[in-house]
């Protein structure tokens, strides 16, 4: 039972830029000048000049088949590019204001909506331990420009549920095919329960917490690392019990070890998906004076019935896209 859920989890690494386009151009010109003046070696230039995709975030996704189509389900915050979303809002604020108040308001609302839907422009798959070596020069397929044309191939929840789904067969069938070729096996949507049965029920979570799942790093050049993750990993399993459950809540708590990197991973009971990890419980360590917190081994889990609802929303998008292409 555990083996099939380990085969269905995918380690994602999302990349974004710490600098906007204008800042990147300025930085590149400064580095080029230093190279020409002999203040930088070619190796230093190659390492320092490249500032795109220099910020990386990792999380877990679940490989699922629903209605004959393949999807990745994860936590929304794993895929949401907060840095680019903030840039989107700042650019709108800095634009010359419209003379018409209603147009100005519409522009700000549109910018806010774009920011809420901002997904990372490139999403890598972290290689499994033993999958390949740097000498092979093989880089796994990745998801790029998922937001091109708007959120048609993905869906974010917008009601605090912190869930997301990406449709693979519409534009990223090669990514899904490679997963299968590498030994990943999707679970079916018929493996999704509404949620746990009761408090005290035994559950387990599978995911990629960075401190334990990441086993090492390939030594790649800056140019190679621009197009892949340098890490390799294996999924880690946590075991525990449902510690709080209520019919009126969209989430439940589990008493188990959950750490950064587990987000987006499945929580399983009786060989069925009962939830998706979205957060770790935290407590204040300074009495709230400076906002300092530390994590404790409890997981905040969104009930799996909301995963099925999200898949159905994305399925309807996929059907509309197929009909339009005909």
Protein backbone atom coordinates (compact mmCIF):
# COMPACT_ATOMS: atom_id res chain seq x y z
CA UNK A 1 0.00 0.00 0.00
CA UNK A 2 2.73 2.45 0.96
CA UNK A 3 4.70 1.69 -2.19
CA UNK A 4 1.97 2.82 -4.57
CA UNK A 5 1.58 6.17 -2.81
CA UNK A 6 5.33 6.71 -2.91
CA UNK A 7 5.18 6.04 -6.66
CA UNK A 8 2.49 8.72 -7.03
CA UNK A 9 4.28 11.64 -5.38
CA UNK A 10 6.39 14.04 -7.43
CA UNK A 11 9.03 16.36 -6.02
CA UNK A 12 8.59 19.82 -7.55
CA UNK A 13 11.02 22.73 -7.60
CA UNK A 14 9.56 26.05 -8.71
CA UNK A 15 11.83 28.82 -9.94
CA UNK A 16 11.41 32.58 -10.13
CA UNK A 17 13.56 35.68 -10.48
CA UNK A 18 14.73 37.79 -7.56
CA UNK A 19 15.07 40.75 -9.94
CA UNK A 20 12.65 42.18 -12.49
CA UNK A 21 13.58 42.46 -16.18
CA UNK A 22 14.97 46.00 -15.84
CA UNK A 23 17.04 45.07 -12.79
CA UNK A 24 18.35 41.97 -14.54
CA UNK A 25 19.47 43.99 -17.58
CA UNK A 26 21.22 46.52 -15.39
CA UNK A 27 22.91 43.78 -13.35
CA UNK A 28 24.06 41.97 -16.51
CA UNK A 29 25.59 45.15 -17.94
CA UNK A 30 27.42 45.81 -14.67
CA UNK A 31 28.83 42.26 -14.67
CA UNK A 32 29.83 42.55 -18.32
CA UNK A 33 31.66 45.80 -17.63
CA UNK A 34 33.54 44.18 -14.75
CA UNK A 35 34.46 41.26 -17.02
CA UNK A 36 35.78 43.59 -19.70
CA UNK A 37 37.80 45.53 -17.11
CA UNK A 38 39.32 42.34 -15.77
CA UNK A 39 37.61 42.66 -12.39
CA UNK A 40 35.77 39.36 -12.94
CA UNK A 41 36.99 36.06 -14.34
CA UNK A 42 34.90 34.25 -16.96
CA UNK A 43 33.90 31.69 -14.32
CA UNK A 44 32.78 34.42 -11.91
CA UNK A 45 30.88 36.16 -14.69
CA UNK A 46 29.04 32.94 -15.60
CA UNK A 47 28.11 32.43 -11.96
CA UNK A 48 27.12 35.99 -11.04
CA UNK A 49 25.64 37.37 -14.26
CA UNK A 50 22.73 34.93 -14.38
CA UNK A 51 20.04 36.23 -12.01
CA UNK A 52 16.95 34.68 -13.58
CA UNK A 53 15.51 31.56 -11.91
CA UNK A 54 17.79 32.22 -8.96
CA UNK A 55 15.06 31.75 -6.34
CA UNK A 56 13.82 28.19 -5.85
CA UNK A 57 10.99 26.72 -3.78
CA UNK A 58 10.23 23.02 -3.35
CA UNK A 59 7.09 21.05 -2.54
CA UNK A 60 5.23 17.83 -3.19
CA UNK A 61 2.59 17.02 -5.81
CA UNK A 62 0.32 14.01 -6.23
CA UNK A 63 0.09 12.37 -9.67
CA UNK A 64 -3.61 11.57 -10.32
CA UNK A 65 -5.73 10.18 -13.16
CA UNK A 66 -9.26 11.58 -13.33
CA UNK A 67 -11.75 10.91 -16.14
CA UNK A 68 -8.95 9.50 -18.29
CA UNK A 69 -6.74 12.60 -17.88
CA UNK A 70 -3.55 13.04 -15.89
CA UNK A 71 -3.11 15.81 -13.32
CA UNK A 72 -0.81 17.08 -10.62
CA UNK A 73 -2.52 18.09 -7.36
CA UNK A 74 -0.64 20.09 -4.76
CA UNK A 75 -0.98 22.99 -2.33
CA UNK A 76 -1.67 26.34 -3.96
CA UNK A 77 1.20 28.03 -2.13
CA UNK A 78 3.65 25.58 -3.71
CA UNK A 79 2.81 26.93 -7.19
CA UNK A 80 1.93 30.56 -6.43
CA UNK A 81 4.74 32.94 -7.40
CA UNK A 82 4.41 35.53 -4.64
CA UNK A 83 7.44 37.51 -5.84
CA UNK A 84 6.05 37.97 -9.35
CA UNK A 85 2.59 38.65 -7.94
CA UNK A 86 3.98 41.54 -5.91
CA UNK A 87 5.72 42.90 -9.02
CA UNK A 88 2.44 42.72 -10.91
CA UNK A 89 0.72 44.85 -8.28
CA UNK A 90 3.60 47.31 -8.03
CA UNK A 91 3.67 47.81 -11.80
CA UNK A 92 -0.02 48.69 -11.78
CA UNK A 93 0.44 51.11 -8.88
CA UNK A 94 3.28 52.85 -10.74
CA UNK A 95 1.31 53.26 -13.96
CA UNK A 96 -0.10 56.73 -14.64
CA UNK A 97 -3.57 56.82 -13.09
CA UNK A 98 -6.58 56.94 -15.35
CA UNK A 99 -8.67 60.09 -15.43
CA UNK A 100 -11.74 57.93 -14.96
CA UNK A 101 -12.24 56.50 -11.50
CA UNK A 102 -14.15 53.43 -12.66
CA UNK A 103 -11.43 52.51 -15.16
CA UNK A 104 -8.75 52.93 -12.51
CA UNK A 105 -10.69 50.64 -10.18
CA UNK A 106 -11.15 48.02 -12.91
CA UNK A 107 -7.43 48.11 -13.67
CA UNK A 108 -6.54 47.55 -10.03
CA UNK A 109 -9.06 44.71 -9.71
CA UNK A 110 -7.66 43.06 -12.84
CA UNK A 111 -4.10 43.41 -11.49
CA UNK A 112 -5.16 41.92 -8.16
CA UNK A 113 -6.77 38.97 -9.92
CA UNK A 114 -3.65 38.38 -12.03
CA UNK A 115 -1.57 38.48 -8.87
CA UNK A 116 -3.82 35.89 -7.18
CA UNK A 117 -3.44 33.59 -10.20
CA UNK A 118 0.33 34.12 -10.67
CA UNK A 119 1.94 30.70 -11.10
CA UNK A 120 5.67 30.05 -11.37
CA UNK A 121 6.83 30.42 -14.95
CA UNK A 122 8.97 27.30 -14.75
CA UNK A 123 8.48 24.21 -12.57
CA UNK A 124 11.14 21.51 -12.45
CA UNK A 125 10.89 17.91 -11.36
CA UNK A 126 13.55 16.99 -8.81
CA UNK A 127 15.25 13.78 -9.86
CA UNK A 128 14.93 10.60 -7.83
CA UNK A 129 17.98 9.16 -6.14
CA UNK A 130 19.73 6.85 -8.61
CA UNK A 131 17.78 8.16 -11.60
CA UNK A 132 20.75 9.56 -13.49
CA UNK A 133 24.01 11.41 -13.07
CA UNK A 134 25.32 14.78 -14.26
CA UNK A 135 27.49 12.95 -16.80
CA UNK A 136 24.36 11.76 -18.61
CA UNK A 137 23.44 15.38 -19.45
CA UNK A 138 19.83 14.27 -19.11
CA UNK A 139 17.51 16.86 -17.63
CA UNK A 140 13.94 15.91 -16.76
CA UNK A 141 11.06 17.52 -18.58
CA UNK A 142 9.68 20.61 -16.88
CA UNK A 143 6.52 22.68 -16.91
CA UNK A 144 7.00 26.09 -18.50
CA UNK A 145 4.68 29.04 -19.06
CA UNK A 146 1.73 27.24 -17.47
CA UNK A 147 -0.12 30.56 -17.28
CA UNK A 148 0.24 31.31 -21.00
CA UNK A 149 -3.16 32.43 -22.25
CA UNK A 150 -4.58 32.59 -18.73
CA UNK A 151 -5.33 29.88 -16.16
CA UNK A 152 -6.76 27.30 -18.57
CA UNK A 153 -4.42 24.42 -17.73
CA UNK A 154 -4.42 24.99 -13.98
CA UNK A 155 -6.83 25.95 -11.23
CA UNK A 156 -6.13 27.63 -7.89
CA UNK A 157 -8.64 27.63 -5.07
CA UNK A 158 -9.61 31.15 -4.08
CA UNK A 159 -11.46 30.49 -0.84
CA UNK A 160 -8.65 29.73 1.57
CA UNK A 161 -8.45 26.02 0.84
CA UNK A 162 -4.85 26.28 -0.45
CA UNK A 163 -5.17 23.68 -3.23
CA UNK A 164 -4.09 23.67 -6.86
CA UNK A 165 -4.26 21.37 -9.85
CA UNK A 166 -2.35 21.33 -13.16
CA UNK A 167 -3.72 19.51 -16.19
CA UNK A 168 -0.92 17.56 -17.88
CA UNK A 169 -2.38 15.96 -21.00
CA UNK A 170 -3.49 19.22 -22.60
CA UNK A 171 -0.01 20.77 -22.97
CA UNK A 172 2.39 18.69 -20.90
CA UNK A 173 1.83 15.11 -22.00
CA UNK A 174 5.61 14.59 -22.40
CA UNK A 175 6.07 15.52 -18.74
CA UNK A 176 3.42 12.94 -17.74
CA UNK A 177 4.84 10.31 -20.10
CA UNK A 178 8.28 10.78 -18.60
CA UNK A 179 6.87 10.33 -15.10
CA UNK A 180 5.46 6.97 -16.15
CA UNK A 181 8.72 6.00 -17.88
CA UNK A 182 10.63 6.81 -14.67
CA UNK A 183 8.42 4.52 -12.58
CA UNK A 184 5.83 6.98 -11.27
CA UNK A 185 2.30 5.62 -11.22
CA UNK A 186 -0.76 7.86 -10.79
CA UNK A 187 -3.50 7.03 -8.33
CA UNK A 188 -7.08 7.27 -9.58
CA UNK A 189 -9.73 9.74 -8.52
CA UNK A 190 -11.70 6.72 -7.26
CA UNK A 191 -8.98 6.48 -4.59
CA UNK A 192 -10.16 9.80 -3.13
CA UNK A 193 -12.32 9.62 0.00
CA UNK A 194 -14.28 12.52 1.46
CA UNK A 195 -11.86 12.71 4.35
CA UNK A 196 -10.89 10.74 7.46
CA UNK A 197 -13.43 8.54 9.20
CA UNK A 198 -12.85 9.70 12.76
CA UNK A 199 -10.48 11.23 15.26
CA UNK A 200 -7.77 8.78 16.25
CA UNK A 201 -7.71 7.15 12.81
CA UNK A 202 -4.24 6.06 11.70
CA UNK A 203 -2.91 8.00 8.71
CA UNK A 204 0.37 8.52 6.91
CA UNK A 205 1.77 11.29 4.74
CA UNK A 206 4.24 10.97 1.87
CA UNK A 207 6.29 13.90 0.67
CA UNK A 208 9.61 15.63 0.28
CA UNK A 209 10.54 17.58 3.44
CA UNK A 210 13.80 19.26 2.49
CA UNK A 211 15.78 18.33 5.60
CA UNK A 212 15.26 14.59 5.12
CA UNK A 213 14.12 13.87 1.56
CA UNK A 214 16.91 15.72 -0.30
CA UNK A 215 19.86 13.35 -0.34
CA UNK A 216 22.39 15.36 -2.31
CA UNK A 217 23.11 17.75 -5.12
CA UNK A 218 24.63 17.37 -8.56
CA UNK A 219 27.52 19.69 -9.34
CA UNK A 220 26.21 21.52 -12.40
CA UNK A 221 27.31 24.70 -14.09
CA UNK A 222 25.18 27.84 -13.70
CA UNK A 223 23.97 27.41 -17.29
CA UNK A 224 22.88 23.81 -16.65
CA UNK A 225 21.26 24.67 -13.32
CA UNK A 226 19.26 27.33 -15.15
CA UNK A 227 17.29 24.51 -16.80
CA UNK A 228 16.95 21.95 -14.04
CA UNK A 229 17.01 21.25 -10.32
CA UNK A 230 20.40 20.26 -8.97
CA UNK A 231 18.93 18.17 -6.13
CA UNK A 232 18.06 14.50 -5.99
CA UNK A 233 15.73 12.97 -3.43
CA UNK A 234 13.53 10.14 -2.21
CA UNK A 235 10.06 10.45 -0.64
CA UNK A 236 9.77 10.34 3.13
CA UNK A 237 6.81 8.88 5.02
CA UNK A 238 5.38 10.23 8.28
CA UNK A 239 2.95 8.28 10.43
CA UNK A 240 0.37 9.53 12.91
CA UNK A 241 -3.27 9.89 13.81
CA UNK A 242 -6.11 12.32 13.15
CA UNK A 243 -6.11 14.63 16.16
CA UNK A 244 -9.00 17.00 15.36
CA UNK A 245 -11.90 16.47 12.96
CA UNK A 246 -15.21 18.27 12.52
CA UNK A 247 -17.81 18.04 9.76
CA UNK A 248 -18.14 21.83 9.59
CA UNK A 249 -14.43 22.43 8.86
CA UNK A 250 -12.68 22.00 5.48
CA UNK A 251 -9.50 20.86 7.23
CA UNK A 252 -8.35 18.55 9.99
CA UNK A 253 -5.26 18.26 12.16
CA UNK A 254 -2.96 15.25 12.30
CA UNK A 255 -0.45 14.40 14.99
CA UNK A 256 2.59 13.63 12.85
CA UNK A 257 5.87 15.14 11.69
CA UNK A 258 5.21 17.67 8.91
CA UNK A 259 7.94 19.99 7.66
CA UNK A 260 8.58 22.43 4.78
CA UNK A 261 8.56 20.41 1.57
CA UNK A 262 5.67 18.20 2.69
CA UNK A 263 3.22 20.79 1.37
CA UNK A 264 1.05 19.37 -1.41
CA UNK A 265 1.63 15.77 -0.39
CA UNK A 266 -1.07 13.18 0.25
CA UNK A 267 -2.40 12.06 3.59
CA UNK A 268 -3.68 8.49 3.35
CA UNK A 269 -5.94 6.25 5.44
CA UNK A 270 -7.17 2.77 4.50
CA UNK A 271 -5.33 3.11 1.17
CA UNK A 272 -7.39 6.15 0.18
CA UNK A 273 -6.53 9.83 -0.09
CA UNK A 274 -8.11 11.66 2.85
CA UNK A 275 -6.29 14.99 2.62
CA UNK A 276 -3.51 17.20 1.25
CA UNK A 277 -0.82 18.70 3.48
CA UNK A 278 -0.87 22.50 3.39
CA UNK A 279 0.83 23.69 6.59
CA UNK A 280 2.68 22.83 9.75
CA UNK A 281 1.45 24.01 13.13
CA UNK A 282 3.54 26.76 14.72
CA UNK A 283 3.78 28.33 18.17
CA UNK A 284 5.21 31.65 19.33
CA UNK A 285 8.66 31.45 20.92
CA UNK A 286 8.89 35.04 22.14
CA UNK A 287 5.45 35.66 23.55
CA UNK A 288 4.41 37.34 20.29
CA UNK A 289 6.73 40.32 20.88
CA UNK A 290 8.73 39.93 17.65
CA UNK A 291 6.58 37.44 15.78
CA UNK A 292 9.11 34.62 16.16
CA UNK A 293 7.61 31.14 15.76
CA UNK A 294 8.74 27.55 15.61
CA UNK A 295 7.09 24.51 14.06
CA UNK A 296 5.59 21.68 16.05
CA UNK A 297 4.84 18.15 14.75
CA UNK A 298 1.21 18.71 13.79
CA UNK A 299 -0.05 18.94 10.21
CA UNK A 300 -2.83 21.13 8.84
CA UNK A 301 -4.58 19.01 6.23
CA UNK A 302 -7.26 20.01 3.67
CA UNK A 303 -9.95 17.34 3.36
CA UNK A 304 -9.72 15.35 0.15
CA UNK A 305 -13.30 15.98 -0.96
CA UNK A 306 -12.11 19.44 -2.00
CA UNK A 307 -9.47 17.81 -4.22
CA UNK A 308 -12.20 16.01 -6.16
CA UNK A 309 -14.15 19.26 -6.51
CA UNK A 310 -11.05 20.97 -7.91
CA UNK A 311 -10.40 18.14 -10.37
CA UNK A 312 -13.95 18.45 -11.68
CA UNK A 313 -13.49 22.20 -12.21
CA UNK A 314 -10.29 21.59 -14.18
CA UNK A 315 -11.95 18.76 -16.11
CA UNK A 316 -14.60 21.20 -17.36
CA UNK A 317 -11.88 23.61 -18.45
CA UNK A 318 -10.18 20.79 -20.35
CA UNK A 319 -13.42 19.81 -22.08
CA UNK A 320 -14.03 23.41 -23.16
CA UNK A 321 -10.49 23.66 -24.52
CA UNK A 322 -10.94 20.43 -26.48
CA UNK A 323 -14.26 21.62 -27.90
CA UNK A 324 -12.72 24.95 -28.94
CA UNK A 325 -9.85 23.20 -30.73
CA UNK A 326 -12.26 21.07 -32.73
